[in-house]
């Protein structure tokens, strides 16, 4: 992250020295994306209940978010989400996939995530907008395990039906998944 920030500053300084080099290093769409990410990730350390990991320190647009809820049914679980930021960010939402097997009505067994801010277009206005940021994404992912659980409009229909028909069994199945995913 620091490396990319330094490179962006150097490119800006070179661009200010003369007109020709400014044209040759005019930022591409991905550079704009990376500049936005540098700004947004500056306060990532203060995001409660989650941890960001970058497999490559020079690539800010692919990373993981580990969410550890401290309340609710999924308390003490650890859930890893792979995040890919498209070049058109922040006009387009991040692409998110859950890498942890979890019994959840809004997360499919294949790892697809149903979260309104991940929708590019939304009738109710709760989808992605250029005014949103990674902080909103982190809040949304964390909230999936507390107050945004939706059993009425599920992605994982089996989990939602089990909760409605047999809440006791749902909790047992949930605990099996939680114990399976605990770090050793």
C-alpha atoms as a PDB file:
ATOM      1  CA  UNK A   1       0.000   0.000   0.000  1.00  0.00           C
ATOM      2  CA  UNK A   2       2.779   2.436   0.887  1.00  0.00           C
ATOM      3  CA  UNK A   3       4.681   1.481  -2.248  1.00  0.00           C
ATOM      4  CA  UNK A   4       1.745   2.307  -4.515  1.00  0.00           C
ATOM      5  CA  UNK A   5       1.091   5.587  -2.705  1.00  0.00           C
ATOM      6  CA  UNK A   6       4.728   6.583  -3.215  1.00  0.00           C
ATOM      7  CA  UNK A   7       4.568   5.695  -6.926  1.00  0.00           C
ATOM      8  CA  UNK A   8       1.426   7.800  -7.392  1.00  0.00           C
ATOM      9  CA  UNK A   9       3.055  10.819  -5.722  1.00  0.00           C
ATOM     10  CA  UNK A  10       6.173  10.453  -7.895  1.00  0.00           C
ATOM     11  CA  UNK A  11       4.051  10.296 -11.045  1.00  0.00           C
ATOM     12  CA  UNK A  12       2.194  13.454  -9.978  1.00  0.00           C
ATOM     13  CA  UNK A  13       5.464  15.304  -9.304  1.00  0.00           C
ATOM     14  CA  UNK A  14       6.884  14.307 -12.688  1.00  0.00           C
ATOM     15  CA  UNK A  15       3.669  15.502 -14.329  1.00  0.00           C
ATOM     16  CA  UNK A  16       4.018  18.920 -12.714  1.00  0.00           C
ATOM     17  CA  UNK A  17       7.567  19.451 -14.071  1.00  0.00           C
ATOM     18  CA  UNK A  18       6.743  19.674 -17.753  1.00  0.00           C
ATOM     19  CA  UNK A  19       3.757  19.484 -20.053  1.00  0.00           C
ATOM     20  CA  UNK A  20       5.000  16.621 -22.249  1.00  0.00           C
ATOM     21  CA  UNK A  21       5.509  14.165 -19.404  1.00  0.00           C
ATOM     22  CA  UNK A  22       2.152  15.152 -17.870  1.00  0.00           C
ATOM     23  CA  UNK A  23       0.425  14.013 -21.058  1.00  0.00           C
ATOM     24  CA  UNK A  24       2.407  10.787 -21.212  1.00  0.00           C
ATOM     25  CA  UNK A  25       1.569   9.792 -17.629  1.00  0.00           C
ATOM     26  CA  UNK A  26      -2.034  10.926 -17.641  1.00  0.00           C
ATOM     27  CA  UNK A  27      -3.718   8.533 -15.204  1.00  0.00           C
ATOM     28  CA  UNK A  28      -5.625   5.650 -16.700  1.00  0.00           C
ATOM     29  CA  UNK A  29      -8.912   4.472 -15.239  1.00  0.00           C
ATOM     30  CA  UNK A  30      -7.076   1.954 -13.038  1.00  0.00           C
ATOM     31  CA  UNK A  31      -4.781   4.711 -11.727  1.00  0.00           C
ATOM     32  CA  UNK A  32      -7.814   6.703 -10.671  1.00  0.00           C
ATOM     33  CA  UNK A  33      -9.145   3.564  -9.001  1.00  0.00           C
ATOM     34  CA  UNK A  34      -5.830   3.079  -7.199  1.00  0.00           C
ATOM     35  CA  UNK A  35      -5.742   6.716  -6.080  1.00  0.00           C
ATOM     36  CA  UNK A  36      -9.239   6.334  -4.610  1.00  0.00           C
ATOM     37  CA  UNK A  37      -8.223   3.101  -2.900  1.00  0.00           C
ATOM     38  CA  UNK A  38      -5.133   4.695  -1.341  1.00  0.00           C
ATOM     39  CA  UNK A  39      -7.349   7.390   0.188  1.00  0.00           C
ATOM     40  CA  UNK A  40     -10.078   5.006   1.327  1.00  0.00           C
ATOM     41  CA  UNK A  41      -7.698   2.461   2.835  1.00  0.00           C
ATOM     42  CA  UNK A  42      -5.837   5.059   4.879  1.00  0.00           C
ATOM     43  CA  UNK A  43      -8.185   4.541   7.847  1.00  0.00           C
ATOM     44  CA  UNK A  44      -8.720   0.777   7.359  1.00  0.00           C
ATOM     45  CA  UNK A  45      -6.980   0.018  10.658  1.00  0.00           C
ATOM     46  CA  UNK A  46      -9.846   1.633  12.539  1.00  0.00           C
ATOM     47  CA  UNK A  47     -12.554  -0.553  10.987  1.00  0.00           C
ATOM     48  CA  UNK A  48     -13.886  -2.545  13.944  1.00  0.00           C
ATOM     49  CA  UNK A  49     -14.278  -6.308  13.681  1.00  0.00           C
ATOM     50  CA  UNK A  50     -12.436  -6.813  10.419  1.00  0.00           C
ATOM     51  CA  UNK A  51      -8.967  -7.260   9.029  1.00  0.00           C
ATOM     52  CA  UNK A  52      -7.776  -6.525   5.488  1.00  0.00           C
ATOM     53  CA  UNK A  53      -5.029  -8.584   3.879  1.00  0.00           C
ATOM     54  CA  UNK A  54      -3.267  -7.794   0.609  1.00  0.00           C
ATOM     55  CA  UNK A  55      -1.645 -10.806  -1.091  1.00  0.00           C
ATOM     56  CA  UNK A  56       0.471  -8.349  -3.124  1.00  0.00           C
ATOM     57  CA  UNK A  57       1.343  -5.011  -1.445  1.00  0.00           C
ATOM     58  CA  UNK A  58       1.543  -3.358  -4.880  1.00  0.00           C
ATOM     59  CA  UNK A  59      -1.971  -4.420  -5.885  1.00  0.00           C
ATOM     60  CA  UNK A  60      -4.659  -2.622  -3.936  1.00  0.00           C
ATOM     61  CA  UNK A  61      -7.602  -3.765  -6.019  1.00  0.00           C
ATOM     62  CA  UNK A  62      -7.502  -7.432  -4.889  1.00  0.00           C
ATOM     63  CA  UNK A  63      -7.600  -8.194  -1.182  1.00  0.00           C
ATOM     64  CA  UNK A  64      -9.377 -10.162   1.503  1.00  0.00           C
ATOM     65  CA  UNK A  65     -11.525  -8.952   4.359  1.00  0.00           C
ATOM     66  CA  UNK A  66     -11.823 -11.154   7.425  1.00  0.00           C
ATOM     67  CA  UNK A  67     -14.957 -10.341   9.443  1.00  0.00           C
ATOM     68  CA  UNK A  68     -15.170 -11.456  13.082  1.00  0.00           C
ATOM     69  CA  UNK A  69     -18.601 -10.657  14.568  1.00  0.00           C
ATOM     70  CA  UNK A  70     -18.666  -9.949  18.302  1.00  0.00           C
ATOM     71  CA  UNK A  71     -22.430 -10.408  18.640  1.00  0.00           C
ATOM     72  CA  UNK A  72     -25.326 -12.299  17.088  1.00  0.00           C
ATOM     73  CA  UNK A  73     -25.684 -15.907  15.935  1.00  0.00           C
ATOM     74  CA  UNK A  74     -22.325 -15.890  14.151  1.00  0.00           C
ATOM     75  CA  UNK A  75     -20.439 -14.482  17.159  1.00  0.00           C
ATOM     76  CA  UNK A  76     -16.831 -15.659  17.394  1.00  0.00           C
ATOM     77  CA  UNK A  77     -16.852 -16.869  13.794  1.00  0.00           C
ATOM     78  CA  UNK A  78     -14.227 -15.800  11.283  1.00  0.00           C
ATOM     79  CA  UNK A  79     -15.418 -15.163   7.731  1.00  0.00           C
ATOM     80  CA  UNK A  80     -13.102 -14.406   4.826  1.00  0.00           C
ATOM     81  CA  UNK A  81     -14.308 -12.467   1.786  1.00  0.00           C
ATOM     82  CA  UNK A  82     -12.300 -12.052  -1.416  1.00  0.00           C
ATOM     83  CA  UNK A  83     -12.733  -8.533  -2.804  1.00  0.00           C
ATOM     84  CA  UNK A  84     -11.919  -7.435  -6.332  1.00  0.00           C
ATOM     85  CA  UNK A  85     -12.261  -3.768  -7.245  1.00  0.00           C
ATOM     86  CA  UNK A  86     -13.126  -3.194 -10.931  1.00  0.00           C
ATOM     87  CA  UNK A  87     -11.290  -0.601 -13.019  1.00  0.00           C
ATOM     88  CA  UNK A  88     -14.514   1.432 -13.189  1.00  0.00           C
ATOM     89  CA  UNK A  89     -14.549   1.865  -9.396  1.00  0.00           C
ATOM     90  CA  UNK A  90     -16.230   3.890  -7.865  1.00  0.00           C
ATOM     91  CA  UNK A  91     -18.867   3.935 -10.577  1.00  0.00           C
ATOM     92  CA  UNK A  92     -19.167   0.149 -10.256  1.00  0.00           C
ATOM     93  CA  UNK A  93     -19.309  -1.815  -6.988  1.00  0.00           C
ATOM     94  CA  UNK A  94     -16.632  -4.171  -5.716  1.00  0.00           C
ATOM     95  CA  UNK A  95     -17.021  -7.855  -6.543  1.00  0.00           C
ATOM     96  CA  UNK A  96     -17.177  -9.933  -3.360  1.00  0.00           C
ATOM     97  CA  UNK A  97     -17.020 -13.691  -2.814  1.00  0.00           C
ATOM     98  CA  UNK A  98     -17.182 -15.440   0.572  1.00  0.00           C
ATOM     99  CA  UNK A  99     -14.332 -17.951   0.866  1.00  0.00           C
ATOM    100  CA  UNK A 100     -15.552 -19.380   4.182  1.00  0.00           C
ATOM    101  CA  UNK A 101     -18.222 -22.059   4.209  1.00  0.00           C
ATOM    102  CA  UNK A 102     -21.041 -20.510   6.243  1.00  0.00           C
ATOM    103  CA  UNK A 103     -24.679 -21.368   6.908  1.00  0.00           C
ATOM    104  CA  UNK A 104     -26.314 -18.033   6.193  1.00  0.00           C
ATOM    105  CA  UNK A 105     -29.460 -16.979   4.309  1.00  0.00           C
ATOM    106  CA  UNK A 106     -27.601 -14.204   2.452  1.00  0.00           C
ATOM    107  CA  UNK A 107     -24.489 -16.199   1.509  1.00  0.00           C
ATOM    108  CA  UNK A 108     -24.740 -19.150  -0.848  1.00  0.00           C
ATOM    109  CA  UNK A 109     -22.728 -22.318  -0.355  1.00  0.00           C
ATOM    110  CA  UNK A 110     -20.796 -21.280  -3.494  1.00  0.00           C
ATOM    111  CA  UNK A 111     -19.781 -18.037  -1.732  1.00  0.00           C
ATOM    112  CA  UNK A 112     -22.070 -15.593  -3.525  1.00  0.00           C
ATOM    113  CA  UNK A 113     -23.101 -12.688  -1.290  1.00  0.00           C
ATOM    114  CA  UNK A 114     -26.506 -10.998  -1.295  1.00  0.00           C
ATOM    115  CA  UNK A 115     -25.951  -7.459  -0.048  1.00  0.00           C
ATOM    116  CA  UNK A 116     -27.786  -4.482  -1.518  1.00  0.00           C
ATOM    117  CA  UNK A 117     -24.737  -2.218  -1.799  1.00  0.00           C
ATOM    118  CA  UNK A 118     -23.086  -4.796  -4.063  1.00  0.00           C
ATOM    119  CA  UNK A 119     -25.803  -4.287  -6.659  1.00  0.00           C
ATOM    120  CA  UNK A 120     -24.910  -1.939  -9.469  1.00  0.00           C
ATOM    121  CA  UNK A 121     -28.531  -0.954  -9.985  1.00  0.00           C
ATOM    122  CA  UNK A 122     -31.207  -1.001  -7.334  1.00  0.00           C
ATOM    123  CA  UNK A 123     -34.854  -0.004  -7.477  1.00  0.00           C
ATOM    124  CA  UNK A 124     -34.912   1.072  -3.837  1.00  0.00           C
ATOM    125  CA  UNK A 125     -31.789   3.239  -4.105  1.00  0.00           C
ATOM    126  CA  UNK A 126     -29.808   1.124  -1.643  1.00  0.00           C
ATOM    127  CA  UNK A 127     -27.436  -0.240  -4.293  1.00  0.00           C
ATOM    128  CA  UNK A 128     -23.945   0.954  -5.118  1.00  0.00           C
ATOM    129  CA  UNK A 129     -23.455   4.664  -5.788  1.00  0.00           C
ATOM    130  CA  UNK A 130     -20.296   6.704  -6.464  1.00  0.00           C
ATOM    131  CA  UNK A 131     -20.724   8.234  -3.002  1.00  0.00           C
ATOM    132  CA  UNK A 132     -20.153   4.841  -1.362  1.00  0.00           C
ATOM    133  CA  UNK A 133     -16.742   3.645  -0.231  1.00  0.00           C
ATOM    134  CA  UNK A 134     -14.936   0.569   1.025  1.00  0.00           C
ATOM    135  CA  UNK A 135     -15.922   1.570   4.539  1.00  0.00           C
ATOM    136  CA  UNK A 136     -19.587   1.058   3.488  1.00  0.00           C
ATOM    137  CA  UNK A 137     -18.665  -2.361   2.094  1.00  0.00           C
ATOM    138  CA  UNK A 138     -16.960  -3.384   5.341  1.00  0.00           C
ATOM    139  CA  UNK A 139     -19.936  -2.123   7.360  1.00  0.00           C
ATOM    140  CA  UNK A 140     -22.296  -4.092   5.099  1.00  0.00           C
ATOM    141  CA  UNK A 141     -20.310  -7.327   5.353  1.00  0.00           C
ATOM    142  CA  UNK A 142     -20.088  -6.990   9.143  1.00  0.00           C
ATOM    143  CA  UNK A 143     -23.808  -6.232   9.340  1.00  0.00           C
ATOM    144  CA  UNK A 144     -24.639  -9.433   7.456  1.00  0.00           C
ATOM    145  CA  UNK A 145     -23.834 -11.215  10.704  1.00  0.00           C
ATOM    146  CA  UNK A 146     -25.817  -8.912  12.986  1.00  0.00           C
ATOM    147  CA  UNK A 147     -28.669  -6.693  11.806  1.00  0.00           C
ATOM    148  CA  UNK A 148     -28.852  -7.218   8.027  1.00  0.00           C
ATOM    149  CA  UNK A 149     -29.698 -10.912   8.090  1.00  0.00           C
ATOM    150  CA  UNK A 150     -32.632 -11.347   5.716  1.00  0.00           C
ATOM    151  CA  UNK A 151     -34.599 -14.562   6.100  1.00  0.00           C
ATOM    152  CA  UNK A 152     -37.463 -13.230   3.934  1.00  0.00           C
ATOM    153  CA  UNK A 153     -35.516 -12.652   0.699  1.00  0.00           C
ATOM    154  CA  UNK A 154     -32.719 -15.240   0.935  1.00  0.00           C
ATOM    155  CA  UNK A 155     -29.958 -16.223  -1.444  1.00  0.00           C
ATOM    156  CA  UNK A 156     -29.500 -19.508   0.437  1.00  0.00           C
ATOM    157  CA  UNK A 157     -33.103 -20.725   0.480  1.00  0.00           C
ATOM    158  CA  UNK A 158     -32.262 -23.899   2.430  1.00  0.00           C
ATOM    159  CA  UNK A 159     -30.764 -21.926   5.318  1.00  0.00           C
ATOM    160  CA  UNK A 160     -33.728 -19.539   5.438  1.00  0.00           C
ATOM    161  CA  UNK A 161     -36.294 -22.369   5.314  1.00  0.00           C
ATOM    162  CA  UNK A 162     -34.481 -24.284   8.038  1.00  0.00           C
ATOM    163  CA  UNK A 163     -34.508 -21.164  10.227  1.00  0.00           C
ATOM    164  CA  UNK A 164     -38.246 -20.634   9.644  1.00  0.00           C
ATOM    165  CA  UNK A 165     -39.238 -24.298  10.055  1.00  0.00           C
ATOM    166  CA  UNK A 166     -36.775 -25.446  12.711  1.00  0.00           C
ATOM    167  CA  UNK A 167     -34.748 -22.655  14.377  1.00  0.00           C
ATOM    168  CA  UNK A 168     -33.143 -25.182  16.736  1.00  0.00           C
ATOM    169  CA  UNK A 169     -31.784 -27.238  13.834  1.00  0.00           C
ATOM    170  CA  UNK A 170     -30.644 -24.037  12.091  1.00  0.00           C
ATOM    171  CA  UNK A 171     -28.518 -23.169  15.143  1.00  0.00           C
ATOM    172  CA  UNK A 172     -27.048 -26.696  15.224  1.00  0.00           C
ATOM    173  CA  UNK A 173     -26.155 -26.513  11.524  1.00  0.00           C
ATOM    174  CA  UNK A 174     -24.727 -23.031  12.066  1.00  0.00           C
ATOM    175  CA  UNK A 175     -22.561 -24.260  14.961  1.00  0.00           C
ATOM    176  CA  UNK A 176     -21.234 -27.117  12.831  1.00  0.00           C
ATOM    177  CA  UNK A 177     -20.146 -24.592  10.199  1.00  0.00           C
ATOM    178  CA  UNK A 178     -18.652 -22.255  12.812  1.00  0.00           C
ATOM    179  CA  UNK A 179     -16.606 -24.998  14.464  1.00  0.00           C
ATOM    180  CA  UNK A 180     -15.445 -26.262  11.085  1.00  0.00           C
ATOM    181  CA  UNK A 181     -14.131 -22.767  10.226  1.00  0.00           C
ATOM    182  CA  UNK A 182     -12.430 -21.901  13.504  1.00  0.00           C
ATOM    183  CA  UNK A 183      -8.701 -21.247  13.163  1.00  0.00           C
ATOM    184  CA  UNK A 184      -6.532 -24.030  14.603  1.00  0.00           C
END
